[in-house]
Amino acid sequence: MNEALPNIIVDVQTSYLADQSVPDLHRYVFAYTVTIRNQGVVPTKLLSRHWIITDALGRVQEVRGMGVVGEQPHIKPGEGYQYTSGTVLETPVGSMEGSYQMVTDEGKEFDATIPAFTLSTPRSLH
């Protein structure tokens, strides 16, 4: 049997939530919307996530957990799954990256990379 290679594409859009942030207390709240697209030929299920969150001072926080927003989506070829979540930083700029642990319907486990993206308040980066 010729096993197809998984092809998962992850895109992220971010936004700064000024109404939930308190800069005087070093609290900067960001939302991020993730779109996961299955561009392969085998249905795939997202099992868990691993995030690496880094603030402007180089402090790193790692987050691991089952699924995303309480779900373990099953994504068919040509389809996608989108969700929105958030994080809090102590600095106005930071970054996130990580991976999703996935499994195909054929039982092949693999990691789908979440490319690094920047979190920044308006006008904090040029």
PDB file of N, CA and C in Angstrom:
ATOM      1  N   MET A   1       0.844  -1.186   0.000  1.00  0.00           N
ATOM      2  CA  MET A   1       0.000   0.000   0.000  1.00  0.00           C
ATOM      3  C   MET A   1       0.887   1.245   0.000  1.00  0.00           C
ATOM      4  N   ASN A   2       0.598   2.159  -0.889  1.00  0.00           N
ATOM      5  CA  ASN A   2       1.371   3.388  -0.993  1.00  0.00           C
ATOM      6  C   ASN A   2       0.702   4.464  -0.144  1.00  0.00           C
ATOM      7  N   GLU A   3       1.351   4.815   0.964  1.00  0.00           N
ATOM      8  CA  GLU A   3       0.756   5.772   1.894  1.00  0.00           C
ATOM      9  C   GLU A   3       0.998   7.202   1.433  1.00  0.00           C
ATOM     10  N   ALA A   4      -0.057   7.990   1.350  1.00  0.00           N
ATOM     11  CA  ALA A   4       0.059   9.382   0.916  1.00  0.00           C
ATOM     12  C   ALA A   4       0.665  10.232   2.033  1.00  0.00           C
ATOM     13  N   LEU A   5       1.447  11.203   1.641  1.00  0.00           N
ATOM     14  CA  LEU A   5       2.030  12.114   2.618  1.00  0.00           C
ATOM     15  C   LEU A   5       1.003  13.161   3.018  1.00  0.00           C
ATOM     16  N   PRO A   6       0.866  13.434   4.314  1.00  0.00           N
ATOM     17  CA  PRO A   6      -0.062  14.484   4.756  1.00  0.00           C
ATOM     18  C   PRO A   6       0.427  15.846   4.267  1.00  0.00           C
ATOM     19  N   ASN A   7      -0.499  16.719   3.958  1.00  0.00           N
ATOM     20  CA  ASN A   7      -0.161  18.065   3.522  1.00  0.00           C
ATOM     21  C   ASN A   7      -1.111  19.036   4.220  1.00  0.00           C
ATOM     22  N   ILE A   8      -0.693  19.483   5.393  1.00  0.00           N
ATOM     23  CA  ILE A   8      -1.496  20.383   6.208  1.00  0.00           C
ATOM     24  C   ILE A   8      -0.873  21.778   6.157  1.00  0.00           C
ATOM     25  N   ILE A   9      -1.678  22.769   5.810  1.00  0.00           N
ATOM     26  CA  ILE A   9      -1.222  24.158   5.746  1.00  0.00           C
ATOM     27  C   ILE A   9      -1.894  24.937   6.877  1.00  0.00           C
ATOM     28  N   VAL A  10      -1.090  25.685   7.638  1.00  0.00           N
ATOM     29  CA  VAL A  10      -1.602  26.462   8.769  1.00  0.00           C
ATOM     30  C   VAL A  10      -1.353  27.947   8.515  1.00  0.00           C
ATOM     31  N   ASP A  11      -2.423  28.741   8.569  1.00  0.00           N
ATOM     32  CA  ASP A  11      -2.330  30.199   8.442  1.00  0.00           C
ATOM     33  C   ASP A  11      -2.882  30.835   9.710  1.00  0.00           C
ATOM     34  N   VAL A  12      -2.265  31.944  10.128  1.00  0.00           N
ATOM     35  CA  VAL A  12      -2.698  32.619  11.354  1.00  0.00           C
ATOM     36  C   VAL A  12      -2.865  34.118  11.108  1.00  0.00           C
ATOM     37  N   GLN A  13      -3.975  34.665  11.591  1.00  0.00           N
ATOM     38  CA  GLN A  13      -4.215  36.105  11.595  1.00  0.00           C
ATOM     39  C   GLN A  13      -4.327  36.547  13.051  1.00  0.00           C
ATOM     40  N   THR A  14      -3.717  37.680  13.388  1.00  0.00           N
ATOM     41  CA  THR A  14      -3.714  38.129  14.783  1.00  0.00           C
ATOM     42  C   THR A  14      -4.385  39.491  14.921  1.00  0.00           C
ATOM     43  N   SER A  15      -4.820  39.772  16.152  1.00  0.00           N
ATOM     44  CA  SER A  15      -5.329  41.101  16.462  1.00  0.00           C
ATOM     45  C   SER A  15      -5.055  41.415  17.928  1.00  0.00           C
ATOM     46  N   TYR A  16      -4.822  42.690  18.192  1.00  0.00           N
ATOM     47  CA  TYR A  16      -4.589  43.186  19.548  1.00  0.00           C
ATOM     48  C   TYR A  16      -5.929  43.570  20.144  1.00  0.00           C
ATOM     49  N   LEU A  17      -6.203  43.099  21.349  1.00  0.00           N
ATOM     50  CA  LEU A  17      -7.476  43.396  22.009  1.00  0.00           C
ATOM     51  C   LEU A  17      -7.262  44.501  23.043  1.00  0.00           C
ATOM     52  N   ALA A  18      -7.331  45.736  22.572  1.00  0.00           N
ATOM     53  CA  ALA A  18      -7.063  46.896  23.429  1.00  0.00           C
ATOM     54  C   ALA A  18      -8.034  46.970  24.600  1.00  0.00           C
ATOM     55  N   ASP A  19      -9.299  46.580  24.372  1.00  0.00           N
ATOM     56  CA  ASP A  19     -10.301  46.692  25.431  1.00  0.00           C
ATOM     57  C   ASP A  19     -10.066  45.712  26.575  1.00  0.00           C
ATOM     58  N   GLN A  20      -9.273  44.656  26.337  1.00  0.00           N
ATOM     59  CA  GLN A  20      -8.975  43.687  27.401  1.00  0.00           C
ATOM     60  C   GLN A  20      -7.559  43.863  27.962  1.00  0.00           C
ATOM     61  N   SER A  21      -6.797  44.758  27.361  1.00  0.00           N
ATOM     62  CA  SER A  21      -5.406  44.961  27.752  1.00  0.00           C
ATOM     63  C   SER A  21      -5.277  46.097  28.756  1.00  0.00           C
ATOM     64  N   VAL A  22      -4.252  45.992  29.607  1.00  0.00           N
ATOM     65  CA  VAL A  22      -3.955  47.050  30.585  1.00  0.00           C
ATOM     66  C   VAL A  22      -2.442  47.288  30.530  1.00  0.00           C
ATOM     67  N   PRO A  23      -1.986  48.118  29.574  1.00  0.00           N
ATOM     68  CA  PRO A  23      -0.545  48.330  29.410  1.00  0.00           C
ATOM     69  C   PRO A  23       0.167  48.786  30.682  1.00  0.00           C
ATOM     70  N   ASP A  24      -0.501  49.586  31.508  1.00  0.00           N
ATOM     71  CA  ASP A  24       0.130  50.051  32.753  1.00  0.00           C
ATOM     72  C   ASP A  24       0.454  48.886  33.691  1.00  0.00           C
ATOM     73  N   LEU A  25      -0.254  47.772  33.535  1.00  0.00           N
ATOM     74  CA  LEU A  25      -0.009  46.582  34.358  1.00  0.00           C
ATOM     75  C   LEU A  25       0.709  45.483  33.558  1.00  0.00           C
ATOM     76  N   HIS A  26       1.285  45.890  32.429  1.00  0.00           N
ATOM     77  CA  HIS A  26       2.015  44.944  31.559  1.00  0.00           C
ATOM     78  C   HIS A  26       1.136  43.776  31.133  1.00  0.00           C
ATOM     79  N   ARG A  27      -0.084  44.097  30.750  1.00  0.00           N
ATOM     80  CA  ARG A  27      -1.028  43.072  30.276  1.00  0.00           C
ATOM     81  C   ARG A  27      -1.460  43.440  28.855  1.00  0.00           C
ATOM     82  N   TYR A  28      -1.013  42.635  27.901  1.00  0.00           N
ATOM     83  CA  TYR A  28      -1.323  42.846  26.492  1.00  0.00           C
ATOM     84  C   TYR A  28      -2.023  41.591  25.980  1.00  0.00           C
ATOM     85  N   VAL A  29      -3.278  41.751  25.569  1.00  0.00           N
ATOM     86  CA  VAL A  29      -4.104  40.608  25.173  1.00  0.00           C
ATOM     87  C   VAL A  29      -4.214  40.568  23.646  1.00  0.00           C
ATOM     88  N   PHE A  30      -3.982  39.391  23.099  1.00  0.00           N
ATOM     89  CA  PHE A  30      -4.036  39.196  21.655  1.00  0.00           C
ATOM     90  C   PHE A  30      -4.968  38.034  21.326  1.00  0.00           C
ATOM     91  N   ALA A  31      -5.676  38.175  20.216  1.00  0.00           N
ATOM     92  CA  ALA A  31      -6.465  37.072  19.665  1.00  0.00           C
ATOM     93  C   ALA A  31      -5.745  36.591  18.413  1.00  0.00           C
ATOM     94  N   TYR A  32      -5.886  35.308  18.135  1.00  0.00           N
ATOM     95  CA  TYR A  32      -5.345  34.782  16.884  1.00  0.00           C
ATOM     96  C   TYR A  32      -6.352  33.796  16.301  1.00  0.00           C
ATOM     97  N   THR A  33      -6.552  33.924  14.997  1.00  0.00           N
ATOM     98  CA  THR A  33      -7.459  33.045  14.272  1.00  0.00           C
ATOM     99  C   THR A  33      -6.616  32.129  13.393  1.00  0.00           C
ATOM    100  N   VAL A  34      -6.772  30.831  13.607  1.00  0.00           N
ATOM    101  CA  VAL A  34      -5.984  29.835  12.900  1.00  0.00           C
ATOM    102  C   VAL A  34      -6.870  29.133  11.869  1.00  0.00           C
ATOM    103  N   THR A  35      -6.354  29.007  10.662  1.00  0.00           N
ATOM    104  CA  THR A  35      -7.008  28.225   9.624  1.00  0.00           C
ATOM    105  C   THR A  35      -6.094  27.049   9.289  1.00  0.00           C
ATOM    106  N   ILE A  36      -6.624  25.838   9.451  1.00  0.00           N
ATOM    107  CA  ILE A  36      -5.885  24.614   9.163  1.00  0.00           C
ATOM    108  C   ILE A  36      -6.524  23.993   7.925  1.00  0.00           C
ATOM    109  N   ARG A  37      -5.745  23.846   6.857  1.00  0.00           N
ATOM    110  CA  ARG A  37      -6.278  23.290   5.613  1.00  0.00           C
ATOM    111  C   ARG A  37      -5.605  21.962   5.290  1.00  0.00           C
ATOM    112  N   ASN A  38      -6.402  20.991   4.921  1.00  0.00           N
ATOM    113  CA  ASN A  38      -5.898  19.681   4.513  1.00  0.00           C
ATOM    114  C   ASN A  38      -5.782  19.679   2.992  1.00  0.00           C
ATOM    115  N   GLN A  39      -4.561  19.831   2.504  1.00  0.00           N
ATOM    116  CA  GLN A  39      -4.335  19.834   1.060  1.00  0.00           C
ATOM    117  C   GLN A  39      -3.783  18.485   0.600  1.00  0.00           C
ATOM    118  N   GLY A  40      -3.873  17.489   1.455  1.00  0.00           N
ATOM    119  CA  GLY A  40      -3.454  16.149   1.095  1.00  0.00           C
ATOM    120  C   GLY A  40      -4.623  15.353   0.544  1.00  0.00           C
ATOM    121  N   VAL A  41      -4.478  14.029   0.524  1.00  0.00           N
ATOM    122  CA  VAL A  41      -5.522  13.164  -0.027  1.00  0.00           C
ATOM    123  C   VAL A  41      -6.118  12.235   1.028  1.00  0.00           C
ATOM    124  N   VAL A  42      -5.647  12.361   2.279  1.00  0.00           N
ATOM    125  CA  VAL A  42      -6.112  11.484   3.354  1.00  0.00           C
ATOM    126  C   VAL A  42      -6.766  12.315   4.459  1.00  0.00           C
ATOM    127  N   PRO A  43      -7.970  11.944   4.919  1.00  0.00           N
ATOM    128  CA  PRO A  43      -8.567  12.637   6.060  1.00  0.00           C
ATOM    129  C   PRO A  43      -7.640  12.571   7.274  1.00  0.00           C
ATOM    130  N   THR A  44      -7.627  13.655   8.048  1.00  0.00           N
ATOM    131  CA  THR A  44      -6.682  13.795   9.151  1.00  0.00           C
ATOM    132  C   THR A  44      -7.387  14.377  10.371  1.00  0.00           C
ATOM    133  N   LYS A  45      -7.005  13.887  11.550  1.00  0.00           N
ATOM    134  CA  LYS A  45      -7.576  14.381  12.804  1.00  0.00           C
ATOM    135  C   LYS A  45      -6.496  15.090  13.613  1.00  0.00           C
ATOM    136  N   LEU A  46      -6.847  16.257  14.165  1.00  0.00           N
ATOM    137  CA  LEU A  46      -5.948  16.989  15.051  1.00  0.00           C
ATOM    138  C   LEU A  46      -6.105  16.405  16.459  1.00  0.00           C
ATOM    139  N   LEU A  47      -4.997  15.923  17.025  1.00  0.00           N
ATOM    140  CA  LEU A  47      -5.046  15.311  18.354  1.00  0.00           C
ATOM    141  C   LEU A  47      -4.709  16.296  19.466  1.00  0.00           C
ATOM    142  N   SER A  48      -3.599  17.046  19.284  1.00  0.00           N
ATOM    143  CA  SER A  48      -3.134  17.935  20.350  1.00  0.00           C
ATOM    144  C   SER A  48      -2.336  19.084  19.754  1.00  0.00           C
ATOM    145  N   ARG A  49      -1.967  20.014  20.627  1.00  0.00           N
ATOM    146  CA  ARG A  49      -1.233  21.201  20.194  1.00  0.00           C
ATOM    147  C   ARG A  49      -0.027  21.438  21.090  1.00  0.00           C
ATOM    148  N   HIS A  50       0.971  22.116  20.535  1.00  0.00           N
ATOM    149  CA  HIS A  50       2.146  22.547  21.292  1.00  0.00           C
ATOM    150  C   HIS A  50       2.497  23.947  20.810  1.00  0.00           C
ATOM    151  N   TRP A  51       2.347  24.920  21.696  1.00  0.00           N
ATOM    152  CA  TRP A  51       2.661  26.314  21.384  1.00  0.00           C
ATOM    153  C   TRP A  51       3.913  26.733  22.122  1.00  0.00           C
ATOM    154  N   ILE A  52       4.727  27.560  21.467  1.00  0.00           N
ATOM    155  CA  ILE A  52       5.875  28.217  22.097  1.00  0.00           C
ATOM    156  C   ILE A  52       5.624  29.713  21.956  1.00  0.00           C
ATOM    157  N   ILE A  53       5.420  30.375  23.095  1.00  0.00           N
ATOM    158  CA  ILE A  53       5.067  31.792  23.118  1.00  0.00           C
ATOM    159  C   ILE A  53       6.243  32.550  23.733  1.00  0.00           C
ATOM    160  N   THR A  54       6.758  33.540  23.011  1.00  0.00           N
ATOM    161  CA  THR A  54       7.934  34.286  23.463  1.00  0.00           C
ATOM    162  C   THR A  54       7.599  35.764  23.501  1.00  0.00           C
ATOM    163  N   ASP A  55       7.905  36.424  24.633  1.00  0.00           N
ATOM    164  CA  ASP A  55       7.653  37.864  24.699  1.00  0.00           C
ATOM    165  C   ASP A  55       8.903  38.638  24.296  1.00  0.00           C
ATOM    166  N   ALA A  56       8.813  39.964  24.300  1.00  0.00           N
ATOM    167  CA  ALA A  56       9.911  40.807  23.826  1.00  0.00           C
ATOM    168  C   ALA A  56      11.147  40.738  24.719  1.00  0.00           C
ATOM    169  N   LEU A  57      11.002  40.231  25.934  1.00  0.00           N
ATOM    170  CA  LEU A  57      12.141  40.085  26.841  1.00  0.00           C
ATOM    171  C   LEU A  57      12.762  38.690  26.746  1.00  0.00           C
ATOM    172  N   GLY A  58      12.255  37.886  25.816  1.00  0.00           N
ATOM    173  CA  GLY A  58      12.809  36.552  25.618  1.00  0.00           C
ATOM    174  C   GLY A  58      12.257  35.496  26.558  1.00  0.00           C
ATOM    175  N   ARG A  59      11.246  35.838  27.322  1.00  0.00           N
ATOM    176  CA  ARG A  59      10.631  34.851  28.215  1.00  0.00           C
ATOM    177  C   ARG A  59       9.763  33.914  27.391  1.00  0.00           C
ATOM    178  N   VAL A  60       9.948  32.621  27.610  1.00  0.00           N
ATOM    179  CA  VAL A  60       9.251  31.612  26.814  1.00  0.00           C
ATOM    180  C   VAL A  60       8.236  30.873  27.669  1.00  0.00           C
ATOM    181  N   GLN A  61       7.059  30.705  27.123  1.00  0.00           N
ATOM    182  CA  GLN A  61       6.002  29.925  27.766  1.00  0.00           C
ATOM    183  C   GLN A  61       5.603  28.839  26.785  1.00  0.00           C
ATOM    184  N   GLU A  62       5.573  27.595  27.248  1.00  0.00           N
ATOM    185  CA  GLU A  62       5.134  26.493  26.397  1.00  0.00           C
ATOM    186  C   GLU A  62       3.769  26.015  26.856  1.00  0.00           C
ATOM    187  N   VAL A  63       2.896  25.795  25.887  1.00  0.00           N
ATOM    188  CA  VAL A  63       1.540  25.339  26.181  1.00  0.00           C
ATOM    189  C   VAL A  63       1.284  24.065  25.384  1.00  0.00           C
ATOM    190  N   ARG A  64       0.871  23.023  26.077  1.00  0.00           N
ATOM    191  CA  ARG A  64       0.514  21.763  25.431  1.00  0.00           C
ATOM    192  C   ARG A  64      -0.892  21.380  25.888  1.00  0.00           C
ATOM    193  N   GLY A  65      -1.638  20.765  24.999  1.00  0.00           N
ATOM    194  CA  GLY A  65      -2.971  20.340  25.397  1.00  0.00           C
ATOM    195  C   GLY A  65      -3.637  19.529  24.315  1.00  0.00           C
ATOM    196  N   MET A  66      -4.695  18.873  24.709  1.00  0.00           N
ATOM    197  CA  MET A  66      -5.469  18.079  23.764  1.00  0.00           C
ATOM    198  C   MET A  66      -6.320  18.998  22.902  1.00  0.00           C
ATOM    199  N   GLY A  67      -6.340  18.731  21.607  1.00  0.00           N
ATOM    200  CA  GLY A  67      -7.211  19.452  20.693  1.00  0.00           C
ATOM    201  C   GLY A  67      -6.984  20.949  20.671  1.00  0.00           C
ATOM    202  N   VAL A  68      -7.960  21.655  20.116  1.00  0.00           N
ATOM    203  CA  VAL A  68      -7.965  23.116  20.083  1.00  0.00           C
ATOM    204  C   VAL A  68      -9.367  23.579  20.437  1.00  0.00           C
ATOM    205  N   VAL A  69      -9.471  24.570  21.271  1.00  0.00           N
ATOM    206  CA  VAL A  69     -10.744  25.108  21.770  1.00  0.00           C
ATOM    207  C   VAL A  69     -11.742  23.984  22.102  1.00  0.00           C
ATOM    208  N   GLY A  70     -11.235  22.952  22.758  1.00  0.00           N
ATOM    209  CA  GLY A  70     -12.093  21.861  23.207  1.00  0.00           C
ATOM    210  C   GLY A  70     -12.493  20.869  22.134  1.00  0.00           C
ATOM    211  N   GLU A  71     -11.916  20.963  20.951  1.00  0.00           N
ATOM    212  CA  GLU A  71     -12.285  20.067  19.857  1.00  0.00           C
ATOM    213  C   GLU A  71     -11.057  19.361  19.303  1.00  0.00           C
ATOM    214  N   GLN A  72     -11.300  18.224  18.673  1.00  0.00           N
ATOM    215  CA  GLN A  72     -10.278  17.500  17.928  1.00  0.00           C
ATOM    216  C   GLN A  72     -10.827  17.318  16.508  1.00  0.00           C
ATOM    217  N   PRO A  73     -10.713  18.373  15.697  1.00  0.00           N
ATOM    218  CA  PRO A  73     -11.374  18.350  14.391  1.00  0.00           C
ATOM    219  C   PRO A  73     -10.824  17.282  13.450  1.00  0.00           C
ATOM    220  N   HIS A  74     -11.728  16.715  12.676  1.00  0.00           N
ATOM    221  CA  HIS A  74     -11.410  15.753  11.625  1.00  0.00           C
ATOM    222  C   HIS A  74     -11.532  16.526  10.322  1.00  0.00           C
ATOM    223  N   ILE A  75     -10.421  16.647   9.588  1.00  0.00           N
ATOM    224  CA  ILE A  75     -10.391  17.509   8.412  1.00  0.00           C
ATOM    225  C   ILE A  75     -10.205  16.652   7.159  1.00  0.00           C
ATOM    226  N   LYS A  76     -11.200  16.691   6.300  1.00  0.00           N
ATOM    227  CA  LYS A  76     -11.162  15.906   5.070  1.00  0.00           C
ATOM    228  C   LYS A  76     -10.301  16.612   4.020  1.00  0.00           C
ATOM    229  N   PRO A  77      -9.788  15.858   3.050  1.00  0.00           N
ATOM    230  CA  PRO A  77      -9.006  16.479   1.977  1.00  0.00           C
ATOM    231  C   PRO A  77      -9.789  17.603   1.297  1.00  0.00           C
ATOM    232  N   GLY A  78      -9.112  18.718   1.061  1.00  0.00           N
ATOM    233  CA  GLY A  78      -9.744  19.859   0.418  1.00  0.00           C
ATOM    234  C   GLY A  78     -10.553  20.722   1.359  1.00  0.00           C
ATOM    235  N   GLU A  79     -10.658  20.314   2.619  1.00  0.00           N
ATOM    236  CA  GLU A  79     -11.429  21.088   3.592  1.00  0.00           C
ATOM    237  C   GLU A  79     -10.505  21.766   4.602  1.00  0.00           C
ATOM    238  N   GLY A  80     -11.104  22.598   5.427  1.00  0.00           N
ATOM    239  CA  GLY A  80     -10.337  23.312   6.430  1.00  0.00           C
ATOM    240  C   GLY A  80     -11.106  23.412   7.734  1.00  0.00           C
ATOM    241  N   TYR A  81     -10.403  23.875   8.749  1.00  0.00           N
ATOM    242  CA  TYR A  81     -10.996  24.086  10.069  1.00  0.00           C
ATOM    243  C   TYR A  81     -10.434  25.404  10.581  1.00  0.00           C
ATOM    244  N   GLN A  82     -11.297  26.247  11.142  1.00  0.00           N
ATOM    245  CA  GLN A  82     -10.861  27.543  11.649  1.00  0.00           C
ATOM    246  C   GLN A  82     -11.343  27.729  13.077  1.00  0.00           C
ATOM    247  N   TYR A  83     -10.471  28.307  13.906  1.00  0.00           N
ATOM    248  CA  TYR A  83     -10.858  28.631  15.282  1.00  0.00           C
ATOM    249  C   TYR A  83     -10.113  29.879  15.721  1.00  0.00           C
ATOM    250  N   THR A  84     -10.638  30.509  16.762  1.00  0.00           N
ATOM    251  CA  THR A  84     -10.006  31.695  17.340  1.00  0.00           C
ATOM    252  C   THR A  84      -9.728  31.440  18.808  1.00  0.00           C
ATOM    253  N   SER A  85      -8.547  31.835  19.242  1.00  0.00           N
ATOM    254  CA  SER A  85      -8.155  31.716  20.640  1.00  0.00           C
ATOM    255  C   SER A  85      -7.383  32.973  21.008  1.00  0.00           C
ATOM    256  N   GLY A  86      -6.742  32.964  22.160  1.00  0.00           N
ATOM    257  CA  GLY A  86      -6.026  34.158  22.583  1.00  0.00           C
ATOM    258  C   GLY A  86      -4.900  33.854  23.539  1.00  0.00           C
ATOM    259  N   THR A  87      -4.083  34.874  23.760  1.00  0.00           N
ATOM    260  CA  THR A  87      -2.981  34.762  24.706  1.00  0.00           C
ATOM    261  C   THR A  87      -2.716  36.129  25.317  1.00  0.00           C
ATOM    262  N   VAL A  88      -2.043  36.132  26.456  1.00  0.00           N
ATOM    263  CA  VAL A  88      -1.702  37.363  27.158  1.00  0.00           C
ATOM    264  C   VAL A  88      -0.184  37.441  27.278  1.00  0.00           C
ATOM    265  N   LEU A  89       0.370  38.590  26.904  1.00  0.00           N
ATOM    266  CA  LEU A  89       1.803  38.835  27.050  1.00  0.00           C
ATOM    267  C   LEU A  89       2.034  39.955  28.058  1.00  0.00           C
ATOM    268  N   GLU A  90       3.251  39.999  28.597  1.00  0.00           N
ATOM    269  CA  GLU A  90       3.629  41.093  29.491  1.00  0.00           C
ATOM    270  C   GLU A  90       4.333  42.213  28.739  1.00  0.00           C
ATOM    271  N   THR A  91       4.543  42.032  27.447  1.00  0.00           N
ATOM    272  CA  THR A  91       5.196  43.034  26.609  1.00  0.00           C
ATOM    273  C   THR A  91       4.297  43.314  25.396  1.00  0.00           C
ATOM    274  N   PRO A  92       4.460  44.495  24.754  1.00  0.00           N
ATOM    275  CA  PRO A  92       3.587  44.843  23.626  1.00  0.00           C
ATOM    276  C   PRO A  92       3.894  44.073  22.335  1.00  0.00           C
ATOM    277  N   VAL A  93       4.996  43.346  22.326  1.00  0.00           N
ATOM    278  CA  VAL A  93       5.373  42.575  21.150  1.00  0.00           C
ATOM    279  C   VAL A  93       5.817  41.188  21.598  1.00  0.00           C
ATOM    280  N   GLY A  94       5.495  40.198  20.788  1.00  0.00           N
ATOM    281  CA  GLY A  94       5.949  38.840  21.061  1.00  0.00           C
ATOM    282  C   GLY A  94       5.739  37.985  19.833  1.00  0.00           C
ATOM    283  N   SER A  95       5.978  36.692  19.997  1.00  0.00           N
ATOM    284  CA  SER A  95       5.767  35.787  18.868  1.00  0.00           C
ATOM    285  C   SER A  95       5.250  34.449  19.372  1.00  0.00           C
ATOM    286  N   MET A  96       4.648  33.723  18.448  1.00  0.00           N
ATOM    287  CA  MET A  96       4.161  32.379  18.738  1.00  0.00           C
ATOM    288  C   MET A  96       4.531  31.471  17.575  1.00  0.00           C
ATOM    289  N   GLU A  97       4.746  30.212  17.884  1.00  0.00           N
ATOM    290  CA  GLU A  97       4.960  29.179  16.879  1.00  0.00           C
ATOM    291  C   GLU A  97       4.678  27.850  17.550  1.00  0.00           C
ATOM    292  N   GLY A  98       4.659  26.791  16.773  1.00  0.00           N
ATOM    293  CA  GLY A  98       4.411  25.502  17.399  1.00  0.00           C
ATOM    294  C   GLY A  98       4.073  24.433  16.399  1.00  0.00           C
ATOM    295  N   SER A  99       3.259  23.477  16.863  1.00  0.00           N
ATOM    296  CA  SER A  99       2.869  22.371  15.989  1.00  0.00           C
ATOM    297  C   SER A  99       1.582  21.733  16.502  1.00  0.00           C
ATOM    298  N   TYR A 100       0.897  21.111  15.569  1.00  0.00           N
ATOM    299  CA  TYR A 100      -0.261  20.290  15.898  1.00  0.00           C
ATOM    300  C   TYR A 100       0.139  18.843  15.697  1.00  0.00           C
ATOM    301  N   GLN A 101      -0.218  17.996  16.647  1.00  0.00           N
ATOM    302  CA  GLN A 101       0.025  16.571  16.522  1.00  0.00           C
ATOM    303  C   GLN A 101      -1.223  15.991  15.862  1.00  0.00           C
ATOM    304  N   MET A 102      -1.024  15.354  14.708  1.00  0.00           N
ATOM    305  CA  MET A 102      -2.119  14.903  13.868  1.00  0.00           C
ATOM    306  C   MET A 102      -2.009  13.392  13.635  1.00  0.00           C
ATOM    307  N   VAL A 103      -3.114  12.811  13.180  1.00  0.00           N
ATOM    308  CA  VAL A 103      -3.095  11.405  12.763  1.00  0.00           C
ATOM    309  C   VAL A 103      -4.024  11.253  11.559  1.00  0.00           C
ATOM    310  N   THR A 104      -3.541  10.531  10.543  1.00  0.00           N
ATOM    311  CA  THR A 104      -4.376  10.289   9.369  1.00  0.00           C
ATOM    312  C   THR A 104      -5.345   9.151   9.680  1.00  0.00           C
ATOM    313  N   ASP A 105      -6.374   9.024   8.838  1.00  0.00           N
ATOM    314  CA  ASP A 105      -7.309   7.915   9.002  1.00  0.00           C
ATOM    315  C   ASP A 105      -6.616   6.566   8.814  1.00  0.00           C
ATOM    316  N   GLU A 106      -5.431   6.589   8.190  1.00  0.00           N
ATOM    317  CA  GLU A 106      -4.652   5.357   8.005  1.00  0.00           C
ATOM    318  C   GLU A 106      -3.792   5.042   9.231  1.00  0.00           C
ATOM    319  N   GLY A 107      -3.821   5.936  10.252  1.00  0.00           N
ATOM    320  CA  GLY A 107      -3.087   5.696  11.483  1.00  0.00           C
ATOM    321  C   GLY A 107      -1.691   6.276  11.525  1.00  0.00           C
ATOM    322  N   LYS A 108      -1.310   7.063  10.511  1.00  0.00           N
ATOM    323  CA  LYS A 108       0.018   7.668  10.494  1.00  0.00           C
ATOM    324  C   LYS A 108       0.005   8.955  11.321  1.00  0.00           C
ATOM    325  N   GLU A 109       0.850   8.995  12.358  1.00  0.00           N
ATOM    326  CA  GLU A 109       0.952  10.194  13.194  1.00  0.00           C
ATOM    327  C   GLU A 109       2.039  11.107  12.645  1.00  0.00           C
ATOM    328  N   PHE A 110       1.800  12.410  12.714  1.00  0.00           N
ATOM    329  CA  PHE A 110       2.777  13.388  12.229  1.00  0.00           C
ATOM    330  C   PHE A 110       2.510  14.729  12.892  1.00  0.00           C
ATOM    331  N   ASP A 111       3.483  15.624  12.804  1.00  0.00           N
ATOM    332  CA  ASP A 111       3.332  16.985  13.311  1.00  0.00           C
ATOM    333  C   ASP A 111       3.117  17.935  12.149  1.00  0.00           C
ATOM    334  N   ALA A 112       2.146  18.821  12.280  1.00  0.00           N
ATOM    335  CA  ALA A 112       1.929  19.901  11.320  1.00  0.00           C
ATOM    336  C   ALA A 112       2.498  21.175  11.933  1.00  0.00           C
ATOM    337  N   THR A 113       3.425  21.803  11.245  1.00  0.00           N
ATOM    338  CA  THR A 113       4.101  22.983  11.764  1.00  0.00           C
ATOM    339  C   THR A 113       3.194  24.207  11.746  1.00  0.00           C
ATOM    340  N   ILE A 114       3.228  24.957  12.849  1.00  0.00           N
ATOM    341  CA  ILE A 114       2.583  26.268  12.903  1.00  0.00           C
ATOM    342  C   ILE A 114       3.718  27.273  12.737  1.00  0.00           C
ATOM    343  N   PRO A 115       3.806  27.930  11.581  1.00  0.00           N
ATOM    344  CA  PRO A 115       4.912  28.867  11.362  1.00  0.00           C
ATOM    345  C   PRO A 115       4.882  30.004  12.385  1.00  0.00           C
ATOM    346  N   ALA A 116       6.061  30.529  12.707  1.00  0.00           N
ATOM    347  CA  ALA A 116       6.157  31.638  13.657  1.00  0.00           C
ATOM    348  C   ALA A 116       5.387  32.847  13.143  1.00  0.00           C
ATOM    349  N   PHE A 117       4.691  33.516  14.049  1.00  0.00           N
ATOM    350  CA  PHE A 117       4.002  34.758  13.697  1.00  0.00           C
ATOM    351  C   PHE A 117       4.169  35.743  14.839  1.00  0.00           C
ATOM    352  N   THR A 118       4.030  37.027  14.512  1.00  0.00           N
ATOM    353  CA  THR A 118       4.268  38.101  15.471  1.00  0.00           C
ATOM    354  C   THR A 118       2.962  38.583  16.084  1.00  0.00           C
ATOM    355  N   LEU A 119       3.017  38.870  17.366  1.00  0.00           N
ATOM    356  CA  LEU A 119       1.935  39.535  18.086  1.00  0.00           C
ATOM    357  C   LEU A 119       2.459  40.928  18.419  1.00  0.00           C
ATOM    358  N   SER A 120       1.729  41.965  18.030  1.00  0.00           N
ATOM    359  CA  SER A 120       2.210  43.312  18.345  1.00  0.00           C
ATOM    360  C   SER A 120       1.047  44.281  18.470  1.00  0.00           C
ATOM    361  N   THR A 121       1.214  45.219  19.381  1.00  0.00           N
ATOM    362  CA  THR A 121       0.220  46.270  19.526  1.00  0.00           C
ATOM    363  C   THR A 121       0.364  47.228  18.339  1.00  0.00           C
ATOM    364  N   PRO A 122      -0.673  47.982  18.012  1.00  0.00           N
ATOM    365  CA  PRO A 122      -0.560  48.938  16.896  1.00  0.00           C
ATOM    366  C   PRO A 122       0.589  49.919  17.135  1.00  0.00           C
ATOM    367  N   ARG A 123       1.314  50.212  16.100  1.00  0.00           N
ATOM    368  CA  ARG A 123       2.414  51.193  16.125  1.00  0.00           C
ATOM    369  C   ARG A 123       3.606  50.760  16.956  1.00  0.00           C
ATOM    370  N   SER A 124       3.667  49.478  17.380  1.00  0.00           N
ATOM    371  CA  SER A 124       4.846  49.052  18.157  1.00  0.00           C
ATOM    372  C   SER A 124       5.954  48.529  17.262  1.00  0.00           C
ATOM    373  N   LEU A 125       5.593  48.148  16.018  1.00  0.00           N
ATOM    374  CA  LEU A 125       6.592  47.729  15.032  1.00  0.00           C
ATOM    375  C   LEU A 125       6.489  48.641  13.822  1.00  0.00           C
ATOM    376  N   HIS A 126       7.610  48.864  13.182  1.00  0.00           N
ATOM    377  CA  HIS A 126       7.605  49.770  12.015  1.00  0.00           C
ATOM    378  C   HIS A 126       7.468  48.977  10.747  1.00  0.00           C
TER     379      HIS A 126
END
